[in-house]
Amino acid sequence: MRIKALLGLSAALLLAGCSSSNQLTAAGQQIKFTDTKPPAECQLVGEVTGSQSNWLSGSGGDSSAMRGAANDLRNKAAEMGGNVIYGASSPSQSLLSSFAPLDSKMFGQVYKCP
């Protein structure tokens, strides 16, 4: 009986890990990305880092992991009071990321624009 319970719990944790991407909040949906420097009337709020854990979901280079990192970035920008992320980028993958599922990360500057 204990073995069945352990197997069921292990499967549930594994499935939860595979499907655990950062969900975009309602406030995060209002955040826009731009590659053009915001105009002078926009106020720089700060810098933000978004990440998505890839420990149970596999490689850090796939699009769902980057989407999770982007969602986390947008959610954090909203929490900071911003509405624009300028210059979002992701660090390049290292040799280690080919062998280990490292977190996917994105960086950007948060602005509050009228």
N, C-alpha and C. Protein backbone atom coordinates (compact mmCIF):
# COMPACT_ATOMS: atom_id res chain seq x y z
N MET A 1 0.82 -1.19 0.00
CA MET A 1 0.00 0.00 0.00
C MET A 1 0.87 1.26 0.00
N ARG A 2 1.93 1.25 0.79
CA ARG A 2 2.82 2.41 0.84
C ARG A 2 3.51 2.65 -0.50
N ILE A 3 3.85 1.58 -1.18
CA ILE A 3 4.52 1.72 -2.48
C ILE A 3 3.60 2.42 -3.47
N LYS A 4 2.32 2.03 -3.49
CA LYS A 4 1.36 2.67 -4.41
C LYS A 4 1.22 4.15 -4.08
N ALA A 5 1.17 4.48 -2.80
CA ALA A 5 1.04 5.89 -2.39
C ALA A 5 2.28 6.68 -2.81
N LEU A 6 3.47 6.09 -2.61
CA LEU A 6 4.70 6.76 -3.01
C LEU A 6 4.77 6.94 -4.51
N LEU A 7 4.38 5.94 -5.27
CA LEU A 7 4.39 6.05 -6.73
C LEU A 7 3.40 7.11 -7.20
N GLY A 8 2.22 7.15 -6.59
CA GLY A 8 1.23 8.16 -6.96
C GLY A 8 1.72 9.56 -6.65
N LEU A 9 2.32 9.75 -5.48
CA LEU A 9 2.85 11.05 -5.09
C LEU A 9 4.00 11.46 -6.01
N SER A 10 4.87 10.53 -6.34
CA SER A 10 5.99 10.82 -7.23
C SER A 10 5.50 11.23 -8.62
N ALA A 11 4.50 10.53 -9.14
CA ALA A 11 3.95 10.88 -10.45
C ALA A 11 3.30 12.25 -10.43
N ALA A 12 2.58 12.55 -9.35
CA ALA A 12 1.93 13.87 -9.25
C ALA A 12 2.96 14.98 -9.21
N LEU A 13 4.03 14.79 -8.45
CA LEU A 13 5.08 15.81 -8.38
C LEU A 13 5.78 15.98 -9.72
N LEU A 14 6.02 14.88 -10.40
CA LEU A 14 6.67 14.94 -11.71
C LEU A 14 5.80 15.68 -12.72
N LEU A 15 4.52 15.38 -12.75
CA LEU A 15 3.62 16.07 -13.67
C LEU A 15 3.48 17.54 -13.32
N ALA A 16 3.45 17.86 -12.05
CA ALA A 16 3.37 19.26 -11.64
C ALA A 16 4.63 20.00 -12.06
N GLY A 17 5.77 19.36 -11.95
CA GLY A 17 7.03 19.99 -12.36
C GLY A 17 7.10 20.20 -13.85
N CYS A 18 6.55 19.28 -14.62
CA CYS A 18 6.59 19.40 -16.08
C CYS A 18 5.66 20.49 -16.58
N SER A 19 4.61 20.75 -15.85
CA SER A 19 3.65 21.73 -16.33
C SER A 19 3.78 23.06 -15.59
N SER A 20 4.82 23.22 -14.79
CA SER A 20 4.91 24.42 -13.97
C SER A 20 5.60 25.55 -14.72
N SER A 21 4.81 26.27 -15.49
CA SER A 21 5.36 27.48 -16.10
C SER A 21 4.70 28.65 -15.41
N ASN A 22 5.37 29.76 -15.41
CA ASN A 22 4.82 30.94 -14.77
C ASN A 22 3.59 31.41 -15.52
N GLN A 23 2.51 31.55 -14.80
CA GLN A 23 1.26 32.03 -15.39
C GLN A 23 1.25 33.55 -15.40
N LEU A 24 0.76 34.13 -16.46
CA LEU A 24 0.68 35.57 -16.60
C LEU A 24 -0.52 36.09 -15.82
N THR A 25 -0.28 37.04 -14.92
CA THR A 25 -1.37 37.63 -14.14
C THR A 25 -2.12 38.65 -14.98
N ALA A 26 -3.26 39.11 -14.47
CA ALA A 26 -4.03 40.14 -15.17
C ALA A 26 -3.20 41.41 -15.30
N ALA A 27 -2.49 41.78 -14.25
CA ALA A 27 -1.64 42.98 -14.30
C ALA A 27 -0.48 42.76 -15.26
N GLY A 28 0.09 41.56 -15.29
CA GLY A 28 1.19 41.25 -16.19
C GLY A 28 0.79 41.32 -17.65
N GLN A 29 -0.48 41.06 -17.94
CA GLN A 29 -0.96 41.12 -19.32
C GLN A 29 -0.93 42.55 -19.86
N GLN A 30 -0.91 43.54 -18.98
CA GLN A 30 -0.92 44.94 -19.41
C GLN A 30 0.48 45.45 -19.76
N ILE A 31 1.51 44.67 -19.45
CA ILE A 31 2.90 45.09 -19.68
C ILE A 31 3.27 44.86 -21.14
N LYS A 32 3.88 45.86 -21.75
CA LYS A 32 4.31 45.78 -23.14
C LYS A 32 5.83 45.71 -23.23
N PHE A 33 6.33 44.95 -24.20
CA PHE A 33 7.76 44.90 -24.50
C PHE A 33 8.07 45.90 -25.60
N THR A 34 9.24 46.54 -25.53
CA THR A 34 9.66 47.43 -26.61
C THR A 34 11.17 47.36 -26.77
N ASP A 35 11.62 47.52 -28.02
CA ASP A 35 13.05 47.62 -28.31
C ASP A 35 13.46 49.07 -28.53
N THR A 36 12.48 49.97 -28.53
CA THR A 36 12.73 51.40 -28.70
C THR A 36 12.77 52.06 -27.34
N LYS A 37 13.83 52.85 -27.10
CA LYS A 37 13.94 53.50 -25.79
C LYS A 37 12.70 54.35 -25.53
N PRO A 38 12.07 54.18 -24.37
CA PRO A 38 10.87 54.95 -24.06
C PRO A 38 11.17 56.45 -24.05
N PRO A 39 10.16 57.27 -24.39
CA PRO A 39 10.35 58.73 -24.44
C PRO A 39 10.66 59.32 -23.07
N ALA A 40 11.09 60.58 -23.07
CA ALA A 40 11.52 61.26 -21.85
C ALA A 40 10.44 61.34 -20.79
N GLU A 41 9.16 61.37 -21.19
CA GLU A 41 8.10 61.47 -20.19
C GLU A 41 7.88 60.16 -19.42
N CYS A 42 8.53 59.09 -19.86
CA CYS A 42 8.46 57.81 -19.15
C CYS A 42 9.51 57.81 -18.03
N GLN A 43 9.14 57.22 -16.92
CA GLN A 43 10.03 57.17 -15.75
C GLN A 43 10.61 55.77 -15.60
N LEU A 44 11.94 55.69 -15.48
CA LEU A 44 12.60 54.41 -15.23
C LEU A 44 12.27 53.98 -13.81
N VAL A 45 11.69 52.80 -13.67
CA VAL A 45 11.32 52.26 -12.36
C VAL A 45 12.45 51.40 -11.80
N GLY A 46 13.11 50.64 -12.67
CA GLY A 46 14.20 49.78 -12.23
C GLY A 46 14.45 48.66 -13.22
N GLU A 47 15.32 47.75 -12.83
CA GLU A 47 15.62 46.59 -13.66
C GLU A 47 14.96 45.37 -13.04
N VAL A 48 14.61 44.43 -13.90
CA VAL A 48 13.92 43.24 -13.42
C VAL A 48 14.47 42.00 -14.11
N THR A 49 14.41 40.89 -13.40
CA THR A 49 14.82 39.59 -13.94
C THR A 49 13.65 38.63 -13.80
N GLY A 50 13.32 37.97 -14.88
CA GLY A 50 12.30 36.93 -14.85
C GLY A 50 12.97 35.59 -15.07
N SER A 51 12.45 34.56 -14.43
CA SER A 51 13.06 33.23 -14.61
C SER A 51 12.00 32.14 -14.62
N GLN A 52 12.38 31.03 -15.22
CA GLN A 52 11.54 29.84 -15.28
C GLN A 52 12.43 28.66 -14.93
N SER A 53 12.06 27.93 -13.91
CA SER A 53 12.82 26.76 -13.51
C SER A 53 12.63 25.65 -14.54
N ASN A 54 13.73 25.01 -14.91
CA ASN A 54 13.68 23.92 -15.88
C ASN A 54 14.13 22.60 -15.27
N TRP A 55 14.18 22.55 -13.96
CA TRP A 55 14.73 21.37 -13.30
C TRP A 55 13.97 20.10 -13.67
N LEU A 56 12.64 20.13 -13.62
CA LEU A 56 11.88 18.93 -13.95
C LEU A 56 11.33 18.95 -15.36
N SER A 57 11.42 20.11 -16.03
CA SER A 57 10.81 20.19 -17.35
C SER A 57 11.80 20.06 -18.49
N GLY A 58 13.09 19.93 -18.19
CA GLY A 58 14.05 19.67 -19.26
C GLY A 58 14.89 20.86 -19.62
N SER A 59 15.30 20.91 -20.85
CA SER A 59 16.25 21.88 -21.37
C SER A 59 15.78 23.31 -21.21
N GLY A 60 16.73 24.23 -20.98
CA GLY A 60 16.41 25.63 -20.80
C GLY A 60 16.21 26.38 -22.09
N GLY A 61 16.42 25.78 -23.23
CA GLY A 61 16.37 26.52 -24.47
C GLY A 61 15.03 26.48 -25.19
N ASP A 62 14.07 25.69 -24.70
CA ASP A 62 12.83 25.59 -25.46
C ASP A 62 11.92 26.80 -25.25
N SER A 63 10.99 26.96 -26.16
CA SER A 63 10.17 28.17 -26.17
C SER A 63 9.25 28.27 -24.96
N SER A 64 8.75 27.16 -24.44
CA SER A 64 7.85 27.24 -23.28
C SER A 64 8.60 27.73 -22.05
N ALA A 65 9.87 27.38 -21.91
CA ALA A 65 10.67 27.86 -20.78
C ALA A 65 10.90 29.36 -20.92
N MET A 66 11.18 29.84 -22.12
CA MET A 66 11.38 31.27 -22.33
C MET A 66 10.07 32.03 -22.16
N ARG A 67 8.96 31.43 -22.54
CA ARG A 67 7.66 32.06 -22.34
C ARG A 67 7.39 32.20 -20.85
N GLY A 68 7.74 31.18 -20.07
CA GLY A 68 7.58 31.25 -18.62
C GLY A 68 8.44 32.35 -18.00
N ALA A 69 9.66 32.50 -18.51
CA ALA A 69 10.55 33.56 -18.02
C ALA A 69 9.99 34.93 -18.40
N ALA A 70 9.44 35.06 -19.61
CA ALA A 70 8.84 36.32 -20.04
C ALA A 70 7.61 36.65 -19.21
N ASN A 71 6.80 35.65 -18.89
CA ASN A 71 5.63 35.88 -18.04
C ASN A 71 6.06 36.36 -16.66
N ASP A 72 7.10 35.73 -16.11
CA ASP A 72 7.60 36.14 -14.80
C ASP A 72 8.13 37.58 -14.86
N LEU A 73 8.81 37.91 -15.94
CA LEU A 73 9.33 39.27 -16.15
C LEU A 73 8.18 40.28 -16.17
N ARG A 74 7.13 39.98 -16.93
CA ARG A 74 5.98 40.88 -17.02
C ARG A 74 5.25 41.02 -15.68
N ASN A 75 5.08 39.90 -14.97
CA ASN A 75 4.41 39.94 -13.67
C ASN A 75 5.19 40.80 -12.67
N LYS A 76 6.51 40.65 -12.66
CA LYS A 76 7.34 41.44 -11.73
C LYS A 76 7.33 42.92 -12.11
N ALA A 77 7.33 43.22 -13.41
CA ALA A 77 7.28 44.61 -13.86
C ALA A 77 5.98 45.26 -13.39
N ALA A 78 4.89 44.52 -13.46
CA ALA A 78 3.59 45.04 -13.00
C ALA A 78 3.62 45.29 -11.50
N GLU A 79 4.23 44.39 -10.74
CA GLU A 79 4.34 44.56 -9.29
C GLU A 79 5.16 45.80 -8.93
N MET A 80 6.11 46.15 -9.79
CA MET A 80 6.94 47.34 -9.56
C MET A 80 6.22 48.63 -9.94
N GLY A 81 5.06 48.51 -10.59
CA GLY A 81 4.32 49.69 -10.99
C GLY A 81 4.61 50.17 -12.40
N GLY A 82 5.34 49.39 -13.17
CA GLY A 82 5.66 49.77 -14.54
C GLY A 82 4.62 49.27 -15.52
N ASN A 83 4.76 49.72 -16.78
CA ASN A 83 3.87 49.22 -17.83
C ASN A 83 4.60 48.94 -19.14
N VAL A 84 5.93 49.16 -19.15
CA VAL A 84 6.74 48.91 -20.34
C VAL A 84 8.05 48.25 -19.91
N ILE A 85 8.47 47.22 -20.66
CA ILE A 85 9.78 46.61 -20.46
C ILE A 85 10.61 46.93 -21.70
N TYR A 86 11.74 47.59 -21.47
CA TYR A 86 12.63 47.99 -22.56
C TYR A 86 13.88 47.12 -22.56
N GLY A 87 14.30 46.70 -23.75
CA GLY A 87 15.56 46.00 -23.92
C GLY A 87 15.60 44.62 -23.29
N ALA A 88 14.49 43.90 -23.33
CA ALA A 88 14.48 42.55 -22.76
C ALA A 88 15.46 41.66 -23.50
N SER A 89 16.24 40.94 -22.73
CA SER A 89 17.22 40.02 -23.33
C SER A 89 17.38 38.80 -22.45
N SER A 90 17.99 37.80 -23.02
CA SER A 90 18.24 36.55 -22.31
C SER A 90 19.72 36.23 -22.44
N PRO A 91 20.35 35.80 -21.35
CA PRO A 91 21.77 35.44 -21.48
C PRO A 91 21.93 34.23 -22.38
N SER A 92 23.04 34.16 -23.06
CA SER A 92 23.28 33.02 -23.94
C SER A 92 23.48 31.76 -23.11
N GLN A 93 23.16 30.64 -23.73
CA GLN A 93 23.30 29.36 -23.06
C GLN A 93 24.77 28.99 -22.92
N SER A 94 25.12 28.39 -21.80
CA SER A 94 26.49 27.97 -21.57
C SER A 94 26.65 26.49 -21.91
N LEU A 95 27.86 26.03 -21.91
CA LEU A 95 28.13 24.62 -22.17
C LEU A 95 27.43 23.75 -21.13
N LEU A 96 27.39 24.22 -19.87
CA LEU A 96 26.75 23.47 -18.80
C LEU A 96 25.27 23.26 -19.08
N SER A 97 24.60 24.23 -19.71
CA SER A 97 23.17 24.11 -19.96
C SER A 97 22.85 22.99 -20.95
N SER A 98 23.84 22.52 -21.69
CA SER A 98 23.62 21.38 -22.59
C SER A 98 23.47 20.08 -21.81
N PHE A 99 24.00 20.05 -20.59
CA PHE A 99 23.98 18.83 -19.79
C PHE A 99 23.04 18.89 -18.60
N ALA A 100 22.73 20.09 -18.13
CA ALA A 100 21.89 20.24 -16.95
C ALA A 100 20.76 21.23 -17.26
N PRO A 101 19.56 20.96 -16.77
CA PRO A 101 18.43 21.86 -17.03
C PRO A 101 18.48 23.11 -16.16
N LEU A 102 19.22 24.11 -16.60
CA LEU A 102 19.35 25.35 -15.85
C LEU A 102 18.10 26.21 -16.06
N ASP A 103 17.90 27.17 -15.17
CA ASP A 103 16.76 28.08 -15.29
C ASP A 103 16.90 28.95 -16.54
N SER A 104 15.77 29.23 -17.18
CA SER A 104 15.73 30.21 -18.27
C SER A 104 15.53 31.57 -17.63
N LYS A 105 16.26 32.57 -18.11
CA LYS A 105 16.18 33.91 -17.52
C LYS A 105 16.03 34.96 -18.61
N MET A 106 15.35 36.06 -18.23
CA MET A 106 15.23 37.24 -19.08
C MET A 106 15.44 38.47 -18.21
N PHE A 107 16.07 39.50 -18.78
CA PHE A 107 16.35 40.75 -18.08
C PHE A 107 15.74 41.89 -18.85
N GLY A 108 15.42 42.97 -18.17
CA GLY A 108 14.93 44.15 -18.86
C GLY A 108 14.79 45.33 -17.91
N GLN A 109 14.62 46.52 -18.49
CA GLN A 109 14.40 47.74 -17.72
C GLN A 109 12.91 48.03 -17.71
N VAL A 110 12.40 48.38 -16.53
CA VAL A 110 10.97 48.65 -16.37
C VAL A 110 10.74 50.16 -16.34
N TYR A 111 9.80 50.60 -17.17
CA TYR A 111 9.42 52.01 -17.23
C TYR A 111 7.93 52.17 -16.94
N LYS A 112 7.59 53.31 -16.39
CA LYS A 112 6.18 53.69 -16.22
C LYS A 112 5.93 54.86 -17.18
N CYS A 113 5.09 54.61 -18.18
CA CYS A 113 4.79 55.60 -19.20
C CYS A 113 3.34 56.05 -19.08
N PRO A 114 3.10 57.32 -19.38
CA PRO A 114 1.70 57.82 -19.31
C PRO A 114 0.84 57.21 -20.41
